[in-house]
Amino acid sequence: MDALVERLSRKIAQRTSRRGFLGYLGKALVGGMMIPLLPINRVVEQNAMAADSEAAGEGGDLTSCDYWRYCGFDGYLCSCCGGSLTACPPGTVASPTSWVGTCQHPTDGKEYIIAYRDCCGKDVCNRCFCDNNKGQVPIYRPQLDNDIIWCFGAKNFAYHCTTAIRLGAKT
């Protein structure tokens, strides 16, 4: 093993110089500093901001358990934990699965389907806990059960908070 490492080290030393190595190292450092300058697709963030501004126009306090979209909500509000009504806080990832509920809008009287999606990847937020159980059914219908931590399928199973995304009107 020692002979192999010595042979490889000598071959590398014969083909490169200290100046060449320092040049490559400098290029790598400068190139690494340029990565944050690359363009980023911000369509998802813009859609979340548009949905949140639309929700703000609906009236109501997004950090209150009495907000109309939270009728089937069970968990910590992402709007209190650094995120928003429809977007997870930085450092967390939206779970690939969610449970759904149907809530009535206070001004137009229509029923809307709301997807409650857990944000995963950090410890529990421990702020603004809500436990509204309208429409909750027993565990044998898991898509309508809000007592399940829906972080399975995410890279990190740690639950942080929950969002409430309006999917559309109930037909």
C-alpha atoms as a PDB file:
ATOM      1  CA  MET A   1       0.000   0.000   0.000  1.00  0.00           C
ATOM      2  CA  ASP A   2       2.813   2.389   0.894  1.00  0.00           C
ATOM      3  CA  ALA A   3       4.572   1.724  -2.418  1.00  0.00           C
ATOM      4  CA  LEU A   4       1.375   2.445  -4.373  1.00  0.00           C
ATOM      5  CA  VAL A   5       0.778   5.748  -2.583  1.00  0.00           C
ATOM      6  CA  GLU A   6       4.417   6.718  -3.052  1.00  0.00           C
ATOM      7  CA  ARG A   7       4.335   5.924  -6.794  1.00  0.00           C
ATOM      8  CA  LEU A   8       1.109   7.929  -7.294  1.00  0.00           C
ATOM      9  CA  SER A   9       2.459  10.858  -5.295  1.00  0.00           C
ATOM     10  CA  ARG A  10       5.691  10.909  -7.343  1.00  0.00           C
ATOM     11  CA  LYS A  11       3.784  10.780 -10.659  1.00  0.00           C
ATOM     12  CA  ILE A  12       1.560  13.661  -9.598  1.00  0.00           C
ATOM     13  CA  ALA A  13       4.591  15.643  -8.393  1.00  0.00           C
ATOM     14  CA  GLN A  14       6.382  15.105 -11.726  1.00  0.00           C
ATOM     15  CA  ARG A  15       3.420  16.329 -13.770  1.00  0.00           C
ATOM     16  CA  THR A  16       2.439  19.352 -11.707  1.00  0.00           C
ATOM     17  CA  SER A  17       4.263  22.266 -10.138  1.00  0.00           C
ATOM     18  CA  ARG A  18       3.516  24.261  -7.008  1.00  0.00           C
ATOM     19  CA  ARG A  19       2.633  27.278  -9.117  1.00  0.00           C
ATOM     20  CA  GLY A  20       0.271  25.185 -11.244  1.00  0.00           C
ATOM     21  CA  PHE A  21      -1.381  23.774  -8.149  1.00  0.00           C
ATOM     22  CA  LEU A  22      -1.793  27.262  -6.664  1.00  0.00           C
ATOM     23  CA  GLY A  23      -3.241  28.461  -9.973  1.00  0.00           C
ATOM     24  CA  TYR A  24      -5.849  25.669 -10.011  1.00  0.00           C
ATOM     25  CA  LEU A  25      -6.646  26.296  -6.371  1.00  0.00           C
ATOM     26  CA  GLY A  26      -7.131  30.033  -7.053  1.00  0.00           C
ATOM     27  CA  LYS A  27      -9.424  29.291  -9.999  1.00  0.00           C
ATOM     28  CA  ALA A  28     -11.494  26.918  -7.868  1.00  0.00           C
ATOM     29  CA  LEU A  29     -11.839  29.489  -5.070  1.00  0.00           C
ATOM     30  CA  VAL A  30     -12.838  32.314  -7.434  1.00  0.00           C
ATOM     31  CA  GLY A  31     -15.223  30.012  -9.298  1.00  0.00           C
ATOM     32  CA  GLY A  32     -16.770  28.906  -6.009  1.00  0.00           C
ATOM     33  CA  MET A  33     -17.387  32.509  -5.028  1.00  0.00           C
ATOM     34  CA  MET A  34     -19.239  33.080  -8.319  1.00  0.00           C
ATOM     35  CA  ILE A  35     -21.841  30.345  -7.688  1.00  0.00           C
ATOM     36  CA  PRO A  36     -24.187  32.643  -5.706  1.00  0.00           C
ATOM     37  CA  LEU A  37     -24.210  35.010  -8.687  1.00  0.00           C
ATOM     38  CA  LEU A  38     -25.746  32.427 -11.027  1.00  0.00           C
ATOM     39  CA  PRO A  39     -29.376  32.992 -12.027  1.00  0.00           C
ATOM     40  CA  ILE A  40     -32.001  31.234  -9.911  1.00  0.00           C
ATOM     41  CA  ASN A  41     -35.502  30.283 -10.947  1.00  0.00           C
ATOM     42  CA  ARG A  42     -37.699  32.307  -8.597  1.00  0.00           C
ATOM     43  CA  VAL A  43     -41.050  31.360 -10.135  1.00  0.00           C
ATOM     44  CA  VAL A  44     -42.018  29.257  -7.100  1.00  0.00           C
ATOM     45  CA  GLU A  45     -41.236  32.130  -4.716  1.00  0.00           C
ATOM     46  CA  GLN A  46     -43.194  34.569  -6.885  1.00  0.00           C
ATOM     47  CA  ASN A  47     -46.208  32.211  -6.954  1.00  0.00           C
ATOM     48  CA  ALA A  48     -46.071  31.860  -3.158  1.00  0.00           C
ATOM     49  CA  MET A  49     -45.832  35.638  -2.713  1.00  0.00           C
ATOM     50  CA  ALA A  50     -48.776  36.138  -5.082  1.00  0.00           C
ATOM     51  CA  ALA A  51     -50.844  33.552  -3.182  1.00  0.00           C
ATOM     52  CA  ASP A  52     -49.984  35.192   0.142  1.00  0.00           C
ATOM     53  CA  SER A  53     -50.905  38.659  -1.123  1.00  0.00           C
ATOM     54  CA  GLU A  54     -54.169  37.200  -2.424  1.00  0.00           C
ATOM     55  CA  ALA A  55     -54.784  35.647   1.005  1.00  0.00           C
ATOM     56  CA  ALA A  56     -54.040  38.952   2.725  1.00  0.00           C
ATOM     57  CA  GLY A  57     -56.737  40.527   0.538  1.00  0.00           C
ATOM     58  CA  GLU A  58     -59.235  37.954   1.838  1.00  0.00           C
ATOM     59  CA  GLY A  59     -59.094  39.530   5.264  1.00  0.00           C
ATOM     60  CA  GLY A  60     -58.290  37.899   8.533  1.00  0.00           C
ATOM     61  CA  ASP A  61     -55.174  37.350  10.575  1.00  0.00           C
ATOM     62  CA  LEU A  62     -52.913  34.694   9.023  1.00  0.00           C
ATOM     63  CA  THR A  63     -51.369  34.048  12.445  1.00  0.00           C
ATOM     64  CA  SER A  64     -54.706  33.328  14.156  1.00  0.00           C
ATOM     65  CA  CYS A  65     -56.294  29.885  14.423  1.00  0.00           C
ATOM     66  CA  ASP A  66     -59.624  31.531  13.507  1.00  0.00           C
ATOM     67  CA  TYR A  67     -58.479  32.309   9.933  1.00  0.00           C
ATOM     68  CA  TRP A  68     -60.930  30.577   7.590  1.00  0.00           C
ATOM     69  CA  ARG A  69     -58.388  28.314   5.844  1.00  0.00           C
ATOM     70  CA  TYR A  70     -57.411  26.727   9.150  1.00  0.00           C
ATOM     71  CA  CYS A  71     -60.765  24.972   9.755  1.00  0.00           C
ATOM     72  CA  GLY A  72     -59.172  21.506   9.447  1.00  0.00           C
ATOM     73  CA  PHE A  73     -55.712  22.525  10.623  1.00  0.00           C
ATOM     74  CA  ASP A  74     -53.671  20.625  13.209  1.00  0.00           C
ATOM     75  CA  GLY A  75     -50.126  21.834  13.824  1.00  0.00           C
ATOM     76  CA  TYR A  76     -47.972  24.941  14.017  1.00  0.00           C
ATOM     77  CA  LEU A  77     -48.659  27.810  11.598  1.00  0.00           C
ATOM     78  CA  CYS A  78     -45.800  28.421   9.154  1.00  0.00           C
ATOM     79  CA  SER A  79     -46.864  32.076   9.049  1.00  0.00           C
ATOM     80  CA  CYS A  80     -45.606  32.303  12.670  1.00  0.00           C
ATOM     81  CA  CYS A  81     -42.441  30.280  12.034  1.00  0.00           C
ATOM     82  CA  GLY A  82     -40.658  32.282   9.334  1.00  0.00           C
ATOM     83  CA  GLY A  83     -42.691  31.012   6.400  1.00  0.00           C
ATOM     84  CA  SER A  84     -46.067  32.065   5.087  1.00  0.00           C
ATOM     85  CA  LEU A  85     -49.556  30.744   4.487  1.00  0.00           C
ATOM     86  CA  THR A  86     -48.419  28.837   1.389  1.00  0.00           C
ATOM     87  CA  ALA A  87     -44.621  28.599   1.673  1.00  0.00           C
ATOM     88  CA  CYS A  88     -42.294  26.745   4.027  1.00  0.00           C
ATOM     89  CA  PRO A  89     -39.716  28.652   6.081  1.00  0.00           C
ATOM     90  CA  PRO A  90     -36.089  28.679   4.904  1.00  0.00           C
ATOM     91  CA  GLY A  91     -34.268  25.479   5.804  1.00  0.00           C
ATOM     92  CA  THR A  92     -37.389  23.327   5.530  1.00  0.00           C
ATOM     93  CA  VAL A  93     -38.898  21.357   2.676  1.00  0.00           C
ATOM     94  CA  ALA A  94     -42.564  20.796   1.890  1.00  0.00           C
ATOM     95  CA  SER A  95     -43.612  17.190   2.371  1.00  0.00           C
ATOM     96  CA  PRO A  96     -44.541  15.380  -0.843  1.00  0.00           C
ATOM     97  CA  THR A  97     -47.901  14.408   0.679  1.00  0.00           C
ATOM     98  CA  SER A  98     -50.656  16.348   2.418  1.00  0.00           C
ATOM     99  CA  TRP A  99     -54.097  16.003   3.919  1.00  0.00           C
ATOM    100  CA  VAL A 100     -57.080  17.936   2.627  1.00  0.00           C
ATOM    101  CA  GLY A 101     -60.013  19.712   4.132  1.00  0.00           C
ATOM    102  CA  THR A 102     -62.948  21.785   2.939  1.00  0.00           C
ATOM    103  CA  CYS A 103     -63.416  25.220   4.470  1.00  0.00           C
ATOM    104  CA  GLN A 104     -66.065  27.849   3.847  1.00  0.00           C
ATOM    105  CA  HIS A 105     -64.880  31.300   2.768  1.00  0.00           C
ATOM    106  CA  PRO A 106     -66.450  33.938   5.035  1.00  0.00           C
ATOM    107  CA  THR A 107     -67.189  36.547   2.365  1.00  0.00           C
ATOM    108  CA  ASP A 108     -68.364  34.610  -0.695  1.00  0.00           C
ATOM    109  CA  GLY A 109     -69.855  31.629   1.221  1.00  0.00           C
ATOM    110  CA  LYS A 110     -68.231  29.086  -1.127  1.00  0.00           C
ATOM    111  CA  GLU A 111     -66.484  25.965   0.100  1.00  0.00           C
ATOM    112  CA  TYR A 112     -62.839  25.581  -0.939  1.00  0.00           C
ATOM    113  CA  ILE A 113     -60.555  22.553  -0.873  1.00  0.00           C
ATOM    114  CA  ILE A 114     -57.502  23.286   1.278  1.00  0.00           C
ATOM    115  CA  ALA A 115     -54.325  21.195   1.189  1.00  0.00           C
ATOM    116  CA  TYR A 116     -52.472  21.167   4.496  1.00  0.00           C
ATOM    117  CA  ARG A 117     -48.819  20.416   3.785  1.00  0.00           C
ATOM    118  CA  ASP A 118     -46.240  19.881   6.520  1.00  0.00           C
ATOM    119  CA  CYS A 119     -42.823  21.536   6.269  1.00  0.00           C
ATOM    120  CA  CYS A 120     -40.051  19.165   7.268  1.00  0.00           C
ATOM    121  CA  GLY A 121     -36.354  19.307   8.049  1.00  0.00           C
ATOM    122  CA  LYS A 122     -36.098  21.340  11.268  1.00  0.00           C
ATOM    123  CA  ASP A 123     -37.215  20.876  14.850  1.00  0.00           C
ATOM    124  CA  VAL A 124     -40.788  21.803  15.785  1.00  0.00           C
ATOM    125  CA  CYS A 125     -41.470  25.543  15.648  1.00  0.00           C
ATOM    126  CA  ASN A 126     -43.490  25.637  18.924  1.00  0.00           C
ATOM    127  CA  ARG A 127     -45.308  28.871  17.996  1.00  0.00           C
ATOM    128  CA  CYS A 128     -48.951  29.376  17.019  1.00  0.00           C
ATOM    129  CA  PHE A 129     -50.313  25.874  17.569  1.00  0.00           C
ATOM    130  CA  CYS A 130     -53.788  25.265  16.173  1.00  0.00           C
ATOM    131  CA  ASP A 131     -55.969  22.185  16.547  1.00  0.00           C
ATOM    132  CA  ASN A 132     -59.096  22.619  14.444  1.00  0.00           C
ATOM    133  CA  ASN A 133     -60.756  19.342  13.555  1.00  0.00           C
ATOM    134  CA  LYS A 134     -63.564  20.219  11.152  1.00  0.00           C
ATOM    135  CA  GLY A 135     -63.974  17.334   8.727  1.00  0.00           C
ATOM    136  CA  GLN A 136     -61.397  15.095  10.379  1.00  0.00           C
ATOM    137  CA  VAL A 137     -62.126  11.387  10.051  1.00  0.00           C
ATOM    138  CA  PRO A 138     -60.545   8.392  11.772  1.00  0.00           C
ATOM    139  CA  ILE A 139     -57.156   7.056  10.704  1.00  0.00           C
ATOM    140  CA  TYR A 140     -58.650   4.535   8.255  1.00  0.00           C
ATOM    141  CA  ARG A 141     -58.998   7.460   5.786  1.00  0.00           C
ATOM    142  CA  PRO A 142     -55.510   8.966   6.169  1.00  0.00           C
ATOM    143  CA  GLN A 143     -55.902  11.607   3.464  1.00  0.00           C
ATOM    144  CA  LEU A 144     -58.481  13.290   5.720  1.00  0.00           C
ATOM    145  CA  ASP A 145     -56.730  12.714   9.066  1.00  0.00           C
ATOM    146  CA  ASN A 146     -54.842  15.681  10.476  1.00  0.00           C
ATOM    147  CA  ASP A 147     -53.167  13.844  13.370  1.00  0.00           C
ATOM    148  CA  ILE A 148     -50.559  12.209  11.120  1.00  0.00           C
ATOM    149  CA  ILE A 149     -47.130  13.810  10.680  1.00  0.00           C
ATOM    150  CA  TRP A 150     -46.990  13.990   6.887  1.00  0.00           C
ATOM    151  CA  CYS A 151     -43.178  14.213   6.582  1.00  0.00           C
ATOM    152  CA  PHE A 152     -42.810  10.639   5.381  1.00  0.00           C
ATOM    153  CA  GLY A 153     -41.325  10.719   1.897  1.00  0.00           C
ATOM    154  CA  ALA A 154     -39.219  13.794   2.713  1.00  0.00           C
ATOM    155  CA  LYS A 155     -35.448  13.507   3.188  1.00  0.00           C
ATOM    156  CA  ASN A 156     -35.757  14.538   6.829  1.00  0.00           C
ATOM    157  CA  PHE A 157     -38.762  13.357   8.869  1.00  0.00           C
ATOM    158  CA  ALA A 158     -38.527  16.160  11.450  1.00  0.00           C
ATOM    159  CA  TYR A 159     -41.785  18.153  11.522  1.00  0.00           C
ATOM    160  CA  HIS A 160     -41.523  21.966  11.707  1.00  0.00           C
ATOM    161  CA  CYS A 161     -44.841  23.615  10.723  1.00  0.00           C
ATOM    162  CA  THR A 162     -47.786  23.377   8.309  1.00  0.00           C
ATOM    163  CA  THR A 163     -49.032  25.466   5.364  1.00  0.00           C
ATOM    164  CA  ALA A 164     -52.606  25.845   4.082  1.00  0.00           C
ATOM    165  CA  ILE A 165     -52.847  26.016   0.298  1.00  0.00           C
ATOM    166  CA  ARG A 166     -56.177  26.697  -1.389  1.00  0.00           C
ATOM    167  CA  LEU A 167     -56.555  24.224  -4.259  1.00  0.00           C
ATOM    168  CA  GLY A 168     -59.882  25.305  -5.678  1.00  0.00           C
ATOM    169  CA  ALA A 169     -63.596  25.580  -5.123  1.00  0.00           C
ATOM    170  CA  LYS A 170     -65.566  22.521  -4.080  1.00  0.00           C
ATOM    171  CA  THR A 171     -67.880  21.386  -6.826  1.00  0.00           C
END
